[in-house]
Protein backbone atom coordinates (compact mmCIF):
# COMPACT_ATOMS: atom_id res chain seq x y z
CA UNK A 1 93.59 0.90 39.26
CA UNK A 2 93.50 -1.74 36.59
CA UNK A 3 90.26 -3.08 37.97
CA UNK A 4 88.60 0.31 37.69
CA UNK A 5 89.56 0.66 34.02
CA UNK A 6 88.15 -2.73 33.11
CA UNK A 7 84.87 -1.92 34.82
CA UNK A 8 84.64 1.30 32.88
CA UNK A 9 85.43 -0.45 29.60
CA UNK A 10 82.81 -3.14 30.35
CA UNK A 11 80.22 -0.46 30.97
CA UNK A 12 81.20 1.22 27.74
CA UNK A 13 80.78 -1.99 25.72
CA UNK A 14 77.36 -2.66 27.30
CA UNK A 15 76.23 0.80 26.19
CA UNK A 16 77.63 0.13 22.73
CA UNK A 17 75.81 -3.21 22.62
CA UNK A 18 72.54 -1.56 23.64
CA UNK A 19 73.00 1.20 21.05
CA UNK A 20 73.81 -1.35 18.33
CA UNK A 21 70.69 -3.39 19.19
CA UNK A 22 68.49 -0.32 19.01
CA UNK A 23 70.05 0.75 15.70
CA UNK A 24 69.58 -2.75 14.27
CA UNK A 25 65.91 -2.78 15.36
CA UNK A 26 65.32 0.63 13.82
CA UNK A 27 66.97 -0.47 10.57
CA UNK A 28 64.68 -3.52 10.38
CA UNK A 29 61.66 -1.30 11.03
CA UNK A 30 62.74 1.10 8.27
CA UNK A 31 63.24 -1.83 5.88
CA UNK A 32 59.75 -3.20 6.66
CA UNK A 33 58.13 0.21 6.20
CA UNK A 34 59.97 0.63 2.90
CA UNK A 35 58.57 -2.75 1.80
CA UNK A 36 55.02 -1.67 2.70
CA UNK A 37 55.44 1.60 0.80
CA UNK A 38 56.72 -0.25 -2.29
CA UNK A 39 53.82 -2.72 -2.12
CA UNK A 40 51.23 0.07 -1.82
CA UNK A 41 52.87 2.01 -4.67
CA UNK A 42 52.75 -1.10 -6.87
CA UNK A 43 49.08 -1.66 -5.97
CA UNK A 44 48.19 1.90 -6.92
CA UNK A 45 50.09 1.54 -10.20
CA UNK A 46 48.27 -1.72 -11.06
CA UNK A 47 44.92 -0.17 -10.12
CA UNK A 48 45.50 2.81 -12.37
CA UNK A 49 46.75 0.81 -15.35
CA UNK A 50 44.88 -2.46 -14.82
CA UNK A 51 41.80 -4.13 -16.30
CA UNK A 52 39.34 -1.68 -14.77
CA UNK A 53 40.32 0.86 -17.42
CA UNK A 54 39.80 -1.70 -20.17
CA UNK A 55 36.28 -2.45 -18.91
CA UNK A 56 35.44 1.26 -18.86
CA UNK A 57 36.67 1.63 -22.42
CA UNK A 58 34.57 -1.37 -23.50
CA UNK A 59 31.45 0.21 -21.97
CA UNK A 60 32.14 3.47 -23.77
CA UNK A 61 32.65 1.71 -27.11
CA UNK A 62 29.54 -0.38 -26.68
CA UNK A 63 31.38 -3.69 -26.62
CA UNK A 64 29.64 -6.56 -24.81
CA UNK A 65 31.44 -8.08 -21.86
CA UNK A 66 33.20 -11.38 -22.22
CA UNK A 67 31.05 -12.85 -19.45
CA UNK A 68 27.46 -11.63 -19.19
CA UNK A 69 25.64 -12.45 -15.96
CA UNK A 70 21.87 -12.55 -16.26
CA UNK A 71 18.71 -13.27 -14.39
CA UNK A 72 15.71 -14.83 -16.12
CA UNK A 73 12.23 -13.93 -14.88
CA UNK A 74 8.95 -15.52 -15.91
CA UNK A 75 6.57 -12.72 -16.90
CA UNK A 76 4.03 -14.85 -18.78
CA UNK A 77 2.98 -17.42 -16.18
CA UNK A 78 3.93 -20.54 -18.16
CA UNK A 79 5.41 -23.16 -15.82
CA UNK A 80 9.07 -23.96 -16.40
CA UNK A 81 9.64 -21.34 -19.08
CA UNK A 82 12.43 -19.59 -17.16
CA UNK A 83 14.28 -22.91 -16.83
CA UNK A 84 14.02 -23.58 -20.57
CA UNK A 85 15.42 -20.16 -21.36
CA UNK A 86 18.13 -20.63 -18.73
CA UNK A 87 19.35 -23.84 -20.37
CA UNK A 88 19.40 -22.17 -23.79
CA UNK A 89 21.29 -19.11 -22.52
CA UNK A 90 23.89 -21.19 -20.70
CA UNK A 91 24.45 -23.19 -23.89
CA UNK A 92 25.10 -19.83 -25.60
CA UNK A 93 27.66 -18.66 -23.03
CA UNK A 94 25.45 -16.39 -20.93
CA UNK A 95 25.97 -16.95 -17.21
CA UNK A 96 22.47 -17.20 -15.71
CA UNK A 97 22.84 -16.64 -11.97
CA UNK A 98 19.18 -16.34 -10.98
CA UNK A 99 15.77 -17.48 -12.19
CA UNK A 100 12.35 -16.71 -10.81
CA UNK A 101 8.99 -15.09 -11.40
CA UNK A 102 8.44 -11.50 -12.39
CA UNK A 103 6.13 -9.45 -10.14
CA UNK A 104 3.25 -10.01 -12.57
CA UNK A 105 2.36 -12.48 -15.32
CA UNK A 106 0.88 -10.06 -17.87
CA UNK A 107 3.96 -9.26 -19.97
CA UNK A 108 2.97 -9.44 -23.65
CA UNK A 109 6.50 -9.17 -25.04
CA UNK A 110 9.86 -10.38 -23.82
CA UNK A 111 12.23 -7.59 -22.79
CA UNK A 112 15.93 -7.55 -22.01
CA UNK A 113 16.99 -4.98 -19.41
CA UNK A 114 20.52 -3.62 -19.03
CA UNK A 115 21.23 -3.14 -15.31
CA UNK A 116 24.89 -2.02 -15.28
CA UNK A 117 25.22 0.64 -17.97
CA UNK A 118 26.54 -1.44 -20.86
CA UNK A 119 23.63 -1.71 -23.26
CA UNK A 120 25.78 -3.81 -25.60
CA UNK A 121 25.32 -6.70 -23.13
CA UNK A 122 21.54 -6.41 -23.39
CA UNK A 123 21.73 -6.19 -27.18
CA UNK A 124 23.91 -9.30 -27.34
CA UNK A 125 21.50 -11.30 -25.15
CA UNK A 126 18.55 -10.01 -27.20
CA UNK A 127 20.28 -11.21 -30.35
CA UNK A 128 20.96 -14.64 -28.83
CA UNK A 129 17.28 -14.99 -27.88
CA UNK A 130 15.85 -13.48 -31.05
CA UNK A 131 14.31 -10.50 -29.25
CA UNK A 132 13.95 -7.25 -31.23
CA UNK A 133 16.59 -4.61 -30.50
CA UNK A 134 13.84 -2.17 -29.54
CA UNK A 135 12.97 -4.47 -26.62
CA UNK A 136 16.45 -4.13 -25.13
CA UNK A 137 16.11 -1.31 -22.63
CA UNK A 138 18.27 0.27 -19.98
CA UNK A 139 17.27 0.56 -16.32
CA UNK A 140 20.37 1.18 -14.23
CA UNK A 141 20.19 0.02 -10.65
CA UNK A 142 23.14 -0.38 -8.26
CA UNK A 143 21.14 -2.86 -6.16
CA UNK A 144 21.32 -5.49 -8.90
CA UNK A 145 24.38 -7.68 -9.20
CA UNK A 146 23.63 -8.89 -12.73
CA UNK A 147 24.41 -7.32 -16.09
CA UNK A 148 21.09 -8.16 -17.73
CA UNK A 149 17.56 -9.09 -16.67
CA UNK A 150 15.38 -11.05 -19.11
CA UNK A 151 11.63 -10.87 -18.53
CA UNK A 152 9.91 -13.53 -20.61
CA UNK A 153 6.61 -12.44 -22.09
CA UNK A 154 3.73 -14.21 -23.84
CA UNK A 155 5.64 -14.01 -27.12
CA UNK A 156 8.08 -16.69 -25.87
CA UNK A 157 7.00 -19.14 -28.58
CA UNK A 158 8.46 -16.80 -31.25
CA UNK A 159 11.92 -16.79 -29.68
CA UNK A 160 14.91 -19.00 -30.52
CA UNK A 161 14.87 -21.26 -27.42
CA UNK A 162 11.39 -22.54 -28.26
CA UNK A 163 11.73 -22.52 -32.07
CA UNK A 164 14.76 -24.82 -31.92
CA UNK A 165 12.93 -27.56 -30.03
């Protein structure tokens, strides 16, 4: 009879061991899911109170961005003019990310185009170049990845980059 009792108690401890292992695994899974929930909650909190809100406020106030990305396009047909303007703008803390030719070379006046909805950026670049405020226009386009487009016209010789040379 003693042998039968020990077999029953061994079976009982194996079931307890199995149950304990399952409980331990479930507790680890709960702990991991709790960690994921906390991380996602923190991410949502940062997103709602982070820098994105500050940038939106700056756009509403008409404050220029700290970093203005621009493209410089040659609209007058003078060789190398976009590169000269690029060097000048970079020296004045405007991040020129693209240079090239405009679709035509008959632009009489230089214009600065706001592409992202913060006209203060275009006005700041116009001021740096010496372009009249009335030539800073807004043409919003989600396909552009720059803040400002500068199209250099035939009046380039009146602007600061050329006058300083």
